[in-house]
């Protein structure tokens, strides 16, 4: 912009389309919007979670799995 022309004012971040809100109502809406924005920003910065192992393949489901191998060979007789 040139020295004779001031910069245009920025557009408001929140604009009421209908009705009139008092200061408390507007503060409540802004607090909710800030909380949502903070949560989504935190989710974007979080590393991806490790894949979850299927319940049927968890070792704790089959505590005796492989014990027949650990017992060793049986004598024939």
PDB file of N, CA and C in Angstrom:
ATOM      1  N   UNK A   1       0.839  -1.172   0.000  1.00  0.00           N
ATOM      2  CA  UNK A   1       0.000   0.000   0.000  1.00  0.00           C
ATOM      3  C   UNK A   1       0.888   1.241   0.000  1.00  0.00           C
ATOM      4  N   UNK A   2       0.359   2.301  -0.562  1.00  0.00           N
ATOM      5  CA  UNK A   2       1.119   3.543  -0.594  1.00  0.00           C
ATOM      6  C   UNK A   2       0.909   4.295   0.714  1.00  0.00           C
ATOM      7  N   UNK A   3       1.675   5.327   0.905  1.00  0.00           N
ATOM      8  CA  UNK A   3       1.615   6.096   2.150  1.00  0.00           C
ATOM      9  C   UNK A   3       0.273   6.803   2.308  1.00  0.00           C
ATOM     10  N   UNK A   4      -0.418   7.143   1.235  1.00  0.00           N
ATOM     11  CA  UNK A   4      -1.683   7.854   1.320  1.00  0.00           C
ATOM     12  C   UNK A   4      -2.884   6.960   1.577  1.00  0.00           C
ATOM     13  N   UNK A   5      -2.728   5.654   1.387  1.00  0.00           N
ATOM     14  CA  UNK A   5      -3.838   4.727   1.564  1.00  0.00           C
ATOM     15  C   UNK A   5      -3.546   3.779   2.731  1.00  0.00           C
ATOM     16  N   UNK A   6      -4.404   3.791   3.746  1.00  0.00           N
ATOM     17  CA  UNK A   6      -4.175   2.867   4.866  1.00  0.00           C
ATOM     18  C   UNK A   6      -4.499   1.430   4.455  1.00  0.00           C
ATOM     19  N   UNK A   7      -3.910   0.496   5.161  1.00  0.00           N
ATOM     20  CA  UNK A   7      -4.162  -0.919   4.883  1.00  0.00           C
ATOM     21  C   UNK A   7      -5.598  -1.258   5.264  1.00  0.00           C
ATOM     22  N   UNK A   8      -6.263  -2.127   4.520  1.00  0.00           N
ATOM     23  CA  UNK A   8      -7.638  -2.495   4.863  1.00  0.00           C
ATOM     24  C   UNK A   8      -7.677  -3.258   6.187  1.00  0.00           C
ATOM     25  N   UNK A   9      -8.757  -3.074   6.925  1.00  0.00           N
ATOM     26  CA  UNK A   9      -8.910  -3.748   8.213  1.00  0.00           C
ATOM     27  C   UNK A   9      -9.118  -5.243   7.969  1.00  0.00           C
ATOM     28  N   UNK A  10      -8.538  -6.089   8.811  1.00  0.00           N
ATOM     29  CA  UNK A  10      -8.727  -7.532   8.622  1.00  0.00           C
ATOM     30  C   UNK A  10     -10.180  -7.920   8.907  1.00  0.00           C
ATOM     31  N   UNK A  11     -10.636  -8.954   8.255  1.00  0.00           N
ATOM     32  CA  UNK A  11     -12.000  -9.440   8.455  1.00  0.00           C
ATOM     33  C   UNK A  11     -12.115 -10.032   9.858  1.00  0.00           C
ATOM     34  N   UNK A  12     -13.265  -9.882  10.500  1.00  0.00           N
ATOM     35  CA  UNK A  12     -13.415 -10.449  11.844  1.00  0.00           C
ATOM     36  C   UNK A  12     -13.363 -11.976  11.803  1.00  0.00           C
ATOM     37  N   UNK A  13     -12.796 -12.571  12.855  1.00  0.00           N
ATOM     38  CA  UNK A  13     -12.680 -14.024  12.908  1.00  0.00           C
ATOM     39  C   UNK A  13     -14.045 -14.666  13.164  1.00  0.00           C
ATOM     40  N   UNK A  14     -14.886 -13.996  13.938  1.00  0.00           N
ATOM     41  CA  UNK A  14     -16.229 -14.501  14.236  1.00  0.00           C
ATOM     42  C   UNK A  14     -17.212 -13.394  13.910  1.00  0.00           C
ATOM     43  N   UNK A  15     -18.252 -13.756  13.175  1.00  0.00           N
ATOM     44  CA  UNK A  15     -19.253 -12.760  12.806  1.00  0.00           C
ATOM     45  C   UNK A  15     -20.638 -13.297  13.152  1.00  0.00           C
ATOM     46  N   UNK A  16     -21.433 -12.519  13.843  1.00  0.00           N
ATOM     47  CA  UNK A  16     -22.797 -12.912  14.158  1.00  0.00           C
ATOM     48  C   UNK A  16     -23.663 -12.684  12.934  1.00  0.00           C
ATOM     49  N   UNK A  17     -24.356 -13.720  12.505  1.00  0.00           N
ATOM     50  CA  UNK A  17     -25.200 -13.611  11.329  1.00  0.00           C
ATOM     51  C   UNK A  17     -26.616 -13.216  11.739  1.00  0.00           C
ATOM     52  N   UNK A  18     -27.043 -13.710  12.877  1.00  0.00           N
ATOM     53  CA  UNK A  18     -28.399 -13.446  13.306  1.00  0.00           C
ATOM     54  C   UNK A  18     -28.435 -13.334  14.828  1.00  0.00           C
ATOM     55  N   UNK A  19     -29.200 -12.429  15.340  1.00  0.00           N
ATOM     56  CA  UNK A  19     -29.346 -12.285  16.781  1.00  0.00           C
ATOM     57  C   UNK A  19     -28.267 -11.405  17.385  1.00  0.00           C
ATOM     58  N   UNK A  20     -28.360 -11.247  18.667  1.00  0.00           N
ATOM     59  CA  UNK A  20     -27.357 -10.460  19.383  1.00  0.00           C
ATOM     60  C   UNK A  20     -26.864 -11.292  20.556  1.00  0.00           C
ATOM     61  N   UNK A  21     -25.593 -11.397  20.673  1.00  0.00           N
ATOM     62  CA  UNK A  21     -24.992 -12.154  21.769  1.00  0.00           C
ATOM     63  C   UNK A  21     -24.378 -11.191  22.767  1.00  0.00           C
ATOM     64  N   UNK A  22     -24.558 -11.503  24.049  1.00  0.00           N
ATOM     65  CA  UNK A  22     -23.897 -10.663  25.057  1.00  0.00           C
ATOM     66  C   UNK A  22     -22.463 -11.162  25.236  1.00  0.00           C
ATOM     67  N   UNK A  23     -21.716 -10.509  26.061  1.00  0.00           N
ATOM     68  CA  UNK A  23     -20.293 -10.824  26.228  1.00  0.00           C
ATOM     69  C   UNK A  23     -20.081 -12.243  26.754  1.00  0.00           C
ATOM     70  N   UNK A  24     -20.938 -12.706  27.664  1.00  0.00           N
ATOM     71  CA  UNK A  24     -20.784 -14.055  28.224  1.00  0.00           C
ATOM     72  C   UNK A  24     -21.039 -15.133  27.171  1.00  0.00           C
ATOM     73  N   UNK A  25     -22.049 -14.960  26.355  1.00  0.00           N
ATOM     74  CA  UNK A  25     -22.357 -15.945  25.311  1.00  0.00           C
ATOM     75  C   UNK A  25     -21.241 -16.001  24.275  1.00  0.00           C
ATOM     76  N   UNK A  26     -20.753 -14.851  23.899  1.00  0.00           N
ATOM     77  CA  UNK A  26     -19.667 -14.801  22.925  1.00  0.00           C
ATOM     78  C   UNK A  26     -18.400 -15.431  23.493  1.00  0.00           C
ATOM     79  N   UNK A  27     -18.128 -15.184  24.768  1.00  0.00           N
ATOM     80  CA  UNK A  27     -16.948 -15.787  25.404  1.00  0.00           C
ATOM     81  C   UNK A  27     -17.074 -17.305  25.451  1.00  0.00           C
ATOM     82  N   UNK A  28     -18.277 -17.820  25.710  1.00  0.00           N
ATOM     83  CA  UNK A  28     -18.478 -19.268  25.751  1.00  0.00           C
ATOM     84  C   UNK A  28     -18.248 -19.892  24.380  1.00  0.00           C
ATOM     85  N   UNK A  29     -18.764 -19.270  23.348  1.00  0.00           N
ATOM     86  CA  UNK A  29     -18.573 -19.800  21.987  1.00  0.00           C
ATOM     87  C   UNK A  29     -17.103 -19.776  21.610  1.00  0.00           C
ATOM     88  N   UNK A  30     -16.414 -18.714  21.918  1.00  0.00           N
ATOM     89  CA  UNK A  30     -14.992 -18.624  21.586  1.00  0.00           C
ATOM     90  C   UNK A  30     -14.170 -19.650  22.366  1.00  0.00           C
ATOM     91  N   UNK A  31     -14.537 -19.899  23.622  1.00  0.00           N
ATOM     92  CA  UNK A  31     -13.812 -20.903  24.414  1.00  0.00           C
ATOM     93  C   UNK A  31     -13.962 -22.286  23.799  1.00  0.00           C
ATOM     94  N   UNK A  32     -15.154 -22.617  23.340  1.00  0.00           N
ATOM     95  CA  UNK A  32     -15.376 -23.919  22.707  1.00  0.00           C
ATOM     96  C   UNK A  32     -14.588 -24.014  21.401  1.00  0.00           C
ATOM     97  N   UNK A  33     -14.612 -22.977  20.605  1.00  0.00           N
ATOM     98  CA  UNK A  33     -13.868 -23.001  19.342  1.00  0.00           C
ATOM     99  C   UNK A  33     -12.367 -23.130  19.571  1.00  0.00           C
ATOM    100  N   UNK A  34     -11.846 -22.458  20.601  1.00  0.00           N
ATOM    101  CA  UNK A  34     -10.419 -22.564  20.909  1.00  0.00           C
ATOM    102  C   UNK A  34     -10.063 -23.963  21.394  1.00  0.00           C
ATOM    103  N   UNK A  35     -10.942 -24.581  22.187  1.00  0.00           N
ATOM    104  CA  UNK A  35     -10.684 -25.940  22.665  1.00  0.00           C
ATOM    105  C   UNK A  35     -10.666 -26.929  21.509  1.00  0.00           C
ATOM    106  N   UNK A  36     -11.583 -26.785  20.577  1.00  0.00           N
ATOM    107  CA  UNK A  36     -11.622 -27.674  19.406  1.00  0.00           C
ATOM    108  C   UNK A  36     -10.364 -27.486  18.563  1.00  0.00           C
ATOM    109  N   UNK A  37      -9.960 -26.255  18.370  1.00  0.00           N
ATOM    110  CA  UNK A  37      -8.764 -25.986  17.576  1.00  0.00           C
ATOM    111  C   UNK A  37      -7.518 -26.536  18.265  1.00  0.00           C
ATOM    112  N   UNK A  38      -7.434 -26.414  19.574  1.00  0.00           N
ATOM    113  CA  UNK A  38      -6.277 -26.931  20.308  1.00  0.00           C
ATOM    114  C   UNK A  38      -6.225 -28.452  20.232  1.00  0.00           C
ATOM    115  N   UNK A  39      -7.382 -29.101  20.340  1.00  0.00           N
ATOM    116  CA  UNK A  39      -7.412 -30.564  20.274  1.00  0.00           C
ATOM    117  C   UNK A  39      -7.000 -31.055  18.889  1.00  0.00           C
ATOM    118  N   UNK A  40      -7.471 -30.399  17.846  1.00  0.00           N
ATOM    119  CA  UNK A  40      -7.102 -30.851  16.500  1.00  0.00           C
ATOM    120  C   UNK A  40      -5.630 -30.581  16.216  1.00  0.00           C
ATOM    121  N   UNK A  41      -5.086 -29.490  16.747  1.00  0.00           N
ATOM    122  CA  UNK A  41      -3.656 -29.213  16.568  1.00  0.00           C
ATOM    123  C   UNK A  41      -2.818 -30.255  17.302  1.00  0.00           C
ATOM    124  N   UNK A  42      -3.255 -30.654  18.498  1.00  0.00           N
ATOM    125  CA  UNK A  42      -2.531 -31.678  19.248  1.00  0.00           C
ATOM    126  C   UNK A  42      -2.586 -33.020  18.525  1.00  0.00           C
ATOM    127  N   UNK A  43      -3.716 -33.327  17.918  1.00  0.00           N
ATOM    128  CA  UNK A  43      -3.853 -34.587  17.184  1.00  0.00           C
ATOM    129  C   UNK A  43      -2.950 -34.611  15.957  1.00  0.00           C
ATOM    130  N   UNK A  44      -2.780 -33.484  15.315  1.00  0.00           N
ATOM    131  CA  UNK A  44      -1.893 -33.430  14.141  1.00  0.00           C
ATOM    132  C   UNK A  44      -0.440 -33.614  14.541  1.00  0.00           C
ATOM    133  N   UNK A  45      -0.052 -33.169  15.734  1.00  0.00           N
ATOM    134  CA  UNK A  45       1.337 -33.240  16.169  1.00  0.00           C
ATOM    135  C   UNK A  45       1.679 -34.556  16.860  1.00  0.00           C
ATOM    136  N   UNK A  46       0.688 -35.399  17.147  1.00  0.00           N
ATOM    137  CA  UNK A  46       0.909 -36.663  17.838  1.00  0.00           C
ATOM    138  C   UNK A  46       1.412 -37.700  16.837  1.00  0.00           C
ATOM    139  N   UNK A  47       2.422 -38.502  17.240  1.00  0.00           N
ATOM    140  CA  UNK A  47       2.876 -39.549  16.317  1.00  0.00           C
ATOM    141  C   UNK A  47       1.791 -40.612  16.170  1.00  0.00           C
ATOM    142  N   UNK A  48       1.782 -41.318  15.057  1.00  0.00           N
ATOM    143  CA  UNK A  48       0.747 -42.342  14.858  1.00  0.00           C
ATOM    144  C   UNK A  48       0.891 -43.455  15.890  1.00  0.00           C
ATOM    145  N   UNK A  49      -0.224 -44.001  16.305  1.00  0.00           N
ATOM    146  CA  UNK A  49      -0.227 -45.069  17.304  1.00  0.00           C
ATOM    147  C   UNK A  49       0.264 -46.364  16.683  1.00  0.00           C
ATOM    148  N   UNK A  50       0.849 -47.205  17.519  1.00  0.00           N
ATOM    149  CA  UNK A  50       1.300 -48.514  17.056  1.00  0.00           C
ATOM    150  C   UNK A  50       0.076 -49.358  16.715  1.00  0.00           C
ATOM    151  N   UNK A  51       0.188 -50.212  15.729  1.00  0.00           N
ATOM    152  CA  UNK A  51      -0.964 -51.056  15.383  1.00  0.00           C
ATOM    153  C   UNK A  51      -1.332 -51.966  16.551  1.00  0.00           C
ATOM    154  N   UNK A  52      -2.609 -52.193  16.707  1.00  0.00           N
ATOM    155  CA  UNK A  52      -3.110 -53.033  17.793  1.00  0.00           C
ATOM    156  C   UNK A  52      -3.125 -54.486  17.332  1.00  0.00           C
ATOM    157  N   UNK A  53      -2.639 -55.359  18.179  1.00  0.00           N
ATOM    158  CA  UNK A  53      -2.611 -56.777  17.848  1.00  0.00           C
ATOM    159  C   UNK A  53      -4.006 -57.363  18.024  1.00  0.00           C
ATOM    160  N   UNK A  54      -4.397 -58.225  17.127  1.00  0.00           N
ATOM    161  CA  UNK A  54      -5.714 -58.837  17.194  1.00  0.00           C
ATOM    162  C   UNK A  54      -5.834 -59.676  18.471  1.00  0.00           C
ATOM    163  N   UNK A  55      -7.012 -59.678  19.066  1.00  0.00           N
ATOM    164  CA  UNK A  55      -7.233 -60.370  20.335  1.00  0.00           C
ATOM    165  C   UNK A  55      -6.976 -61.873  20.213  1.00  0.00           C
ATOM    166  N   UNK A  56      -7.312 -62.478  19.090  1.00  0.00           N
ATOM    167  CA  UNK A  56      -7.159 -63.934  18.952  1.00  0.00           C
ATOM    168  C   UNK A  56      -5.699 -64.356  18.892  1.00  0.00           C
ATOM    169  N   UNK A  57      -4.797 -63.435  18.544  1.00  0.00           N
ATOM    170  CA  UNK A  57      -3.392 -63.811  18.403  1.00  0.00           C
ATOM    171  C   UNK A  57      -2.534 -63.376  19.582  1.00  0.00           C
ATOM    172  N   UNK A  58      -3.140 -62.843  20.619  1.00  0.00           N
ATOM    173  CA  UNK A  58      -2.356 -62.430  21.788  1.00  0.00           C
ATOM    174  C   UNK A  58      -1.821 -63.665  22.511  1.00  0.00           C
ATOM    175  N   UNK A  59      -0.586 -63.628  22.961  1.00  0.00           N
ATOM    176  CA  UNK A  59      -0.030 -64.781  23.676  1.00  0.00           C
ATOM    177  C   UNK A  59      -0.799 -65.127  24.952  1.00  0.00           C
ATOM    178  N   UNK A  60      -1.387 -64.145  25.609  1.00  0.00           N
ATOM    179  CA  UNK A  60      -2.096 -64.425  26.851  1.00  0.00           C
ATOM    180  C   UNK A  60      -3.369 -65.226  26.619  1.00  0.00           C
ATOM    181  N   UNK A  61      -3.877 -65.235  25.409  1.00  0.00           N
ATOM    182  CA  UNK A  61      -5.084 -66.003  25.129  1.00  0.00           C
ATOM    183  C   UNK A  61      -4.783 -67.498  25.096  1.00  0.00           C
ATOM    184  N   UNK A  62      -3.580 -67.861  24.697  1.00  0.00           N
ATOM    185  CA  UNK A  62      -3.173 -69.264  24.586  1.00  0.00           C
ATOM    186  C   UNK A  62      -1.953 -69.492  25.484  1.00  0.00           C
ATOM    187  N   UNK A  63      -2.134 -69.561  26.804  1.00  0.00           N
ATOM    188  CA  UNK A  63      -0.965 -69.662  27.681  1.00  0.00           C
ATOM    189  C   UNK A  63      -0.197 -70.970  27.506  1.00  0.00           C
ATOM    190  N   UNK A  64      -0.836 -72.029  27.035  1.00  0.00           N
ATOM    191  CA  UNK A  64      -0.147 -73.308  26.891  1.00  0.00           C
ATOM    192  C   UNK A  64       0.375 -73.549  25.483  1.00  0.00           C
ATOM    193  N   UNK A  65       0.248 -72.551  24.618  1.00  0.00           N
ATOM    194  CA  UNK A  65       0.689 -72.729  23.239  1.00  0.00           C
ATOM    195  C   UNK A  65       2.191 -72.979  23.209  1.00  0.00           C
ATOM    196  N   UNK A  66       2.607 -74.005  22.517  1.00  0.00           N
ATOM    197  CA  UNK A  66       4.022 -74.323  22.369  1.00  0.00           C
ATOM    198  C   UNK A  66       4.598 -75.172  23.488  1.00  0.00           C
ATOM    199  N   UNK A  67       3.829 -75.493  24.517  1.00  0.00           N
ATOM    200  CA  UNK A  67       4.376 -76.285  25.622  1.00  0.00           C
ATOM    201  C   UNK A  67       4.678 -77.708  25.207  1.00  0.00           C
ATOM    202  N   UNK A  68       3.958 -78.237  24.231  1.00  0.00           N
ATOM    203  CA  UNK A  68       4.242 -79.606  23.775  1.00  0.00           C
ATOM    204  C   UNK A  68       5.608 -79.665  23.112  1.00  0.00           C
ATOM    205  N   UNK A  69       6.043 -78.594  22.499  1.00  0.00           N
ATOM    206  CA  UNK A  69       7.373 -78.557  21.899  1.00  0.00           C
ATOM    207  C   UNK A  69       8.448 -78.472  22.988  1.00  0.00           C
ATOM    208  N   UNK A  70       8.146 -77.706  24.023  1.00  0.00           N
ATOM    209  CA  UNK A  70       9.119 -77.513  25.087  1.00  0.00           C
ATOM    210  C   UNK A  70       9.335 -78.777  25.911  1.00  0.00           C
ATOM    211  N   UNK A  71       8.382 -79.693  25.892  1.00  0.00           N
ATOM    212  CA  UNK A  71       8.501 -80.915  26.676  1.00  0.00           C
ATOM    213  C   UNK A  71       9.526 -81.879  26.095  1.00  0.00           C
ATOM    214  N   UNK A  72       9.856 -81.742  24.843  1.00  0.00           N
ATOM    215  CA  UNK A  72      10.840 -82.631  24.231  1.00  0.00           C
ATOM    216  C   UNK A  72      10.204 -83.873  23.642  1.00  0.00           C
ATOM    217  N   UNK A  73      10.984 -84.707  23.020  1.00  0.00           N
ATOM    218  CA  UNK A  73      10.424 -85.900  22.388  1.00  0.00           C
ATOM    219  C   UNK A  73      10.001 -86.930  23.440  1.00  0.00           C
ATOM    220  N   UNK A  74       8.918 -87.664  23.126  1.00  0.00           N
ATOM    221  CA  UNK A  74       8.439 -88.716  24.000  1.00  0.00           C
ATOM    222  C   UNK A  74       9.096 -90.040  23.626  1.00  0.00           C
ATOM    223  N   UNK A  75       9.348 -90.839  24.615  1.00  0.00           N
ATOM    224  CA  UNK A  75       9.902 -92.151  24.275  1.00  0.00           C
ATOM    225  C   UNK A  75       8.832 -93.040  23.650  1.00  0.00           C
ATOM    226  N   UNK A  76       9.228 -93.820  22.699  1.00  0.00           N
ATOM    227  CA  UNK A  76       8.301 -94.756  22.061  1.00  0.00           C
ATOM    228  C   UNK A  76       8.208 -96.004  22.908  1.00  0.00           C
ATOM    229  N   UNK A  77       7.051 -96.491  23.079  1.00  0.00           N
ATOM    230  CA  UNK A  77       7.043 -97.699  23.854  1.00  0.00           C
ATOM    231  C   UNK A  77       5.797 -98.319  24.104  1.00  0.00           C
TER     232      UNK A  77
END
